Amino acid sequence: MRMTLAYVNIFVSNLDRSVAFYRDVIGLDLIFSSAEYRFASFSAGSLRVGLAVAGKEHEDLVGRHTGVGFEVADVAETFDRLIEQGATSVMAPSSQPWGGFMGLISDPDGNVFYLDEEKGKRPDA
């Protein structure tokens, strides 16, 4: 039996603010948002990204390093644009010892994401 990854959920503190950030700053396509269920879903290529408002018992899930990476054509350009539009810089784009080129940003809740350049796009890679 083969499994595929279908979605990742990111825990947030404010659904409206986070929907605006992921839609307007990150540029994901909103599938739906429900204040009643405190959840939103976005299309992110072949995956979906869910935003779930963490209740009091799960507040520690907000503002973490997610391990989630977004692949982009130009990390430096994307990083600068996202910072100008409200993302927070965690690590400026740089060449990595393993051969990649990446930067780190965070959303308004402090959830951290990778920005990775598409493989083979950087001449020095």
C-alpha atoms as a PDB file:
ATOM      1  CA  MET A   1       0.000   0.000   0.000  1.00  0.00           C
ATOM      2  CA  ARG A   2       1.404   3.394  -1.026  1.00  0.00           C
ATOM      3  CA  MET A   3       0.724   6.528   1.008  1.00  0.00           C
ATOM      4  CA  THR A   4       1.052  10.117  -0.142  1.00  0.00           C
ATOM      5  CA  LEU A   5       1.265  13.262   1.923  1.00  0.00           C
ATOM      6  CA  ALA A   6      -1.980  15.191   1.446  1.00  0.00           C
ATOM      7  CA  TYR A   7      -1.856  18.092   3.900  1.00  0.00           C
ATOM      8  CA  VAL A   8      -0.032  19.793   6.751  1.00  0.00           C
ATOM      9  CA  ASN A   9      -1.700  21.774   9.520  1.00  0.00           C
ATOM     10  CA  ILE A  10      -0.204  24.905  11.016  1.00  0.00           C
ATOM     11  CA  PHE A  11      -1.481  26.055  14.397  1.00  0.00           C
ATOM     12  CA  VAL A  12      -2.305  29.755  14.712  1.00  0.00           C
ATOM     13  CA  SER A  13      -3.793  32.099  17.282  1.00  0.00           C
ATOM     14  CA  ASN A  14      -5.987  34.272  15.023  1.00  0.00           C
ATOM     15  CA  LEU A  15      -7.713  32.755  11.992  1.00  0.00           C
ATOM     16  CA  ASP A  16      -8.614  35.980  10.143  1.00  0.00           C
ATOM     17  CA  ARG A  17      -5.100  37.438  10.465  1.00  0.00           C
ATOM     18  CA  SER A  18      -3.517  34.142   9.405  1.00  0.00           C
ATOM     19  CA  VAL A  19      -5.843  33.641   6.436  1.00  0.00           C
ATOM     20  CA  ALA A  20      -4.927  37.134   5.221  1.00  0.00           C
ATOM     21  CA  PHE A  21      -1.200  36.391   5.643  1.00  0.00           C
ATOM     22  CA  TYR A  22      -1.191  33.017   3.867  1.00  0.00           C
ATOM     23  CA  ARG A  23      -3.483  34.270   1.084  1.00  0.00           C
ATOM     24  CA  ASP A  24      -2.148  37.806   0.530  1.00  0.00           C
ATOM     25  CA  VAL A  25       1.520  37.530   1.551  1.00  0.00           C
ATOM     26  CA  ILE A  26       2.476  33.905   0.913  1.00  0.00           C
ATOM     27  CA  GLY A  27       0.121  33.726  -2.084  1.00  0.00           C
ATOM     28  CA  LEU A  28      -1.653  30.423  -1.423  1.00  0.00           C
ATOM     29  CA  ASP A  29      -5.108  29.851  -2.911  1.00  0.00           C
ATOM     30  CA  LEU A  30      -7.802  29.763  -0.226  1.00  0.00           C
ATOM     31  CA  ILE A  31     -10.087  26.730  -0.520  1.00  0.00           C
ATOM     32  CA  PHE A  32     -12.301  27.570   2.466  1.00  0.00           C
ATOM     33  CA  SER A  33     -12.274  29.257   5.858  1.00  0.00           C
ATOM     34  CA  SER A  34     -14.658  28.569   8.734  1.00  0.00           C
ATOM     35  CA  ALA A  35     -14.823  30.749  11.838  1.00  0.00           C
ATOM     36  CA  GLU A  36     -17.185  28.182  13.359  1.00  0.00           C
ATOM     37  CA  TYR A  37     -14.647  25.359  13.016  1.00  0.00           C
ATOM     38  CA  ARG A  38     -11.647  27.676  13.515  1.00  0.00           C
ATOM     39  CA  PHE A  39      -9.998  26.196  10.433  1.00  0.00           C
ATOM     40  CA  ALA A  40      -8.966  27.233   6.942  1.00  0.00           C
ATOM     41  CA  SER A  41      -7.568  25.252   4.038  1.00  0.00           C
ATOM     42  CA  PHE A  42      -5.316  26.395   1.189  1.00  0.00           C
ATOM     43  CA  SER A  43      -4.088  24.793  -1.998  1.00  0.00           C
ATOM     44  CA  ALA A  44      -0.288  24.569  -2.120  1.00  0.00           C
ATOM     45  CA  GLY A  45       0.462  22.609  -5.256  1.00  0.00           C
ATOM     46  CA  SER A  46      -0.223  18.926  -4.693  1.00  0.00           C
ATOM     47  CA  LEU A  47      -0.637  19.507  -0.934  1.00  0.00           C
ATOM     48  CA  ARG A  48      -3.099  21.417   1.181  1.00  0.00           C
ATOM     49  CA  VAL A  49      -2.051  23.687   4.031  1.00  0.00           C
ATOM     50  CA  GLY A  50      -4.500  23.868   6.902  1.00  0.00           C
ATOM     51  CA  LEU A  51      -4.640  26.600   9.506  1.00  0.00           C
ATOM     52  CA  ALA A  52      -6.095  25.498  12.828  1.00  0.00           C
ATOM     53  CA  VAL A  53      -6.704  27.847  15.725  1.00  0.00           C
ATOM     54  CA  ALA A  54      -5.088  26.289  18.776  1.00  0.00           C
ATOM     55  CA  GLY A  55      -7.267  26.182  21.869  1.00  0.00           C
ATOM     56  CA  LYS A  56      -5.947  26.891  25.368  1.00  0.00           C
ATOM     57  CA  GLU A  57      -4.842  23.266  25.773  1.00  0.00           C
ATOM     58  CA  HIS A  58      -2.719  23.461  22.602  1.00  0.00           C
ATOM     59  CA  GLU A  59      -1.280  27.001  22.772  1.00  0.00           C
ATOM     60  CA  ASP A  60       2.219  25.490  22.814  1.00  0.00           C
ATOM     61  CA  LEU A  61       1.711  24.378  19.187  1.00  0.00           C
ATOM     62  CA  VAL A  62       1.666  28.005  17.969  1.00  0.00           C
ATOM     63  CA  GLY A  63       4.920  29.740  17.091  1.00  0.00           C
ATOM     64  CA  ARG A  64       7.110  26.747  16.334  1.00  0.00           C
ATOM     65  CA  HIS A  65       9.570  25.674  13.695  1.00  0.00           C
ATOM     66  CA  THR A  66       7.196  23.835  11.363  1.00  0.00           C
ATOM     67  CA  GLY A  67       9.721  21.940   9.254  1.00  0.00           C
ATOM     68  CA  VAL A  68       7.602  22.983   6.257  1.00  0.00           C
ATOM     69  CA  GLY A  69       9.432  24.246   3.185  1.00  0.00           C
ATOM     70  CA  PHE A  70       8.199  26.254   0.230  1.00  0.00           C
ATOM     71  CA  GLU A  71      10.082  25.752  -3.031  1.00  0.00           C
ATOM     72  CA  VAL A  72      10.474  28.930  -5.086  1.00  0.00           C
ATOM     73  CA  ALA A  73      12.262  29.915  -8.291  1.00  0.00           C
ATOM     74  CA  ASP A  74      14.333  32.678  -6.634  1.00  0.00           C
ATOM     75  CA  VAL A  75      14.836  32.542  -2.862  1.00  0.00           C
ATOM     76  CA  ALA A  76      16.462  35.976  -2.514  1.00  0.00           C
ATOM     77  CA  GLU A  77      13.724  37.769  -4.470  1.00  0.00           C
ATOM     78  CA  THR A  78      10.919  35.863  -2.727  1.00  0.00           C
ATOM     79  CA  PHE A  79      12.468  36.390   0.709  1.00  0.00           C
ATOM     80  CA  ASP A  80      12.762  40.158   0.171  1.00  0.00           C
ATOM     81  CA  ARG A  81       9.197  40.428  -1.159  1.00  0.00           C
ATOM     82  CA  LEU A  82       7.769  38.427   1.765  1.00  0.00           C
ATOM     83  CA  ILE A  83       9.648  40.532   4.323  1.00  0.00           C
ATOM     84  CA  GLU A  84       8.367  43.733   2.663  1.00  0.00           C
ATOM     85  CA  GLN A  85       4.814  42.355   2.864  1.00  0.00           C
ATOM     86  CA  GLY A  86       4.929  41.405   6.553  1.00  0.00           C
ATOM     87  CA  ALA A  87       6.757  38.109   7.017  1.00  0.00           C
ATOM     88  CA  THR A  88       9.533  38.092   9.619  1.00  0.00           C
ATOM     89  CA  SER A  89      13.129  37.282   8.722  1.00  0.00           C
ATOM     90  CA  VAL A  90      14.495  34.314  10.663  1.00  0.00           C
ATOM     91  CA  MET A  91      17.532  33.574   8.453  1.00  0.00           C
ATOM     92  CA  ALA A  92      18.584  35.502   5.355  1.00  0.00           C
ATOM     93  CA  PRO A  93      19.009  33.415   2.193  1.00  0.00           C
ATOM     94  CA  SER A  94      22.371  31.694   2.024  1.00  0.00           C
ATOM     95  CA  SER A  95      24.197  28.795   0.404  1.00  0.00           C
ATOM     96  CA  GLN A  96      24.076  25.692   2.564  1.00  0.00           C
ATOM     97  CA  PRO A  97      26.894  23.165   3.117  1.00  0.00           C
ATOM     98  CA  TRP A  98      24.708  20.440   1.596  1.00  0.00           C
ATOM     99  CA  GLY A  99      24.432  22.390  -1.667  1.00  0.00           C
ATOM    100  CA  GLY A 100      21.082  24.101  -1.272  1.00  0.00           C
ATOM    101  CA  PHE A 101      20.214  27.776  -1.147  1.00  0.00           C
ATOM    102  CA  MET A 102      17.594  28.699   1.441  1.00  0.00           C
ATOM    103  CA  GLY A 103      16.236  31.266   3.858  1.00  0.00           C
ATOM    104  CA  LEU A 104      13.801  31.113   6.766  1.00  0.00           C
ATOM    105  CA  ILE A 105      10.772  33.300   7.458  1.00  0.00           C
ATOM    106  CA  SER A 106       8.004  33.278  10.021  1.00  0.00           C
ATOM    107  CA  ASP A 107       4.329  34.145   9.998  1.00  0.00           C
ATOM    108  CA  PRO A 108       2.640  36.598  12.430  1.00  0.00           C
ATOM    109  CA  ASP A 109       2.471  33.850  15.105  1.00  0.00           C
ATOM    110  CA  GLY A 110       6.179  33.016  14.809  1.00  0.00           C
ATOM    111  CA  ASN A 111       5.683  29.752  12.895  1.00  0.00           C
ATOM    112  CA  VAL A 112       8.934  29.245  10.962  1.00  0.00           C
ATOM    113  CA  PHE A 113       9.146  28.053   7.321  1.00  0.00           C
ATOM    114  CA  TYR A 114      11.928  27.259   4.885  1.00  0.00           C
ATOM    115  CA  LEU A 115      12.219  28.941   1.497  1.00  0.00           C
ATOM    116  CA  ASP A 116      14.204  26.656  -0.801  1.00  0.00           C
ATOM    117  CA  GLU A 117      15.310  27.422  -4.330  1.00  0.00           C
ATOM    118  CA  GLU A 118      14.206  25.009  -7.035  1.00  0.00           C
ATOM    119  CA  LYS A 119      16.981  22.467  -7.563  1.00  0.00           C
ATOM    120  CA  GLY A 120      19.375  23.325 -10.350  1.00  0.00           C
ATOM    121  CA  LYS A 121      18.201  26.963 -10.708  1.00  0.00           C
ATOM    122  CA  ARG A 122      21.170  28.619  -8.967  1.00  0.00           C
ATOM    123  CA  PRO A 123      24.360  28.722 -11.040  1.00  0.00           C
ATOM    124  CA  ASP A 124      26.620  28.245  -7.998  1.00  0.00           C
ATOM    125  CA  ALA A 125      24.681  25.191  -6.753  1.00  0.00           C
END
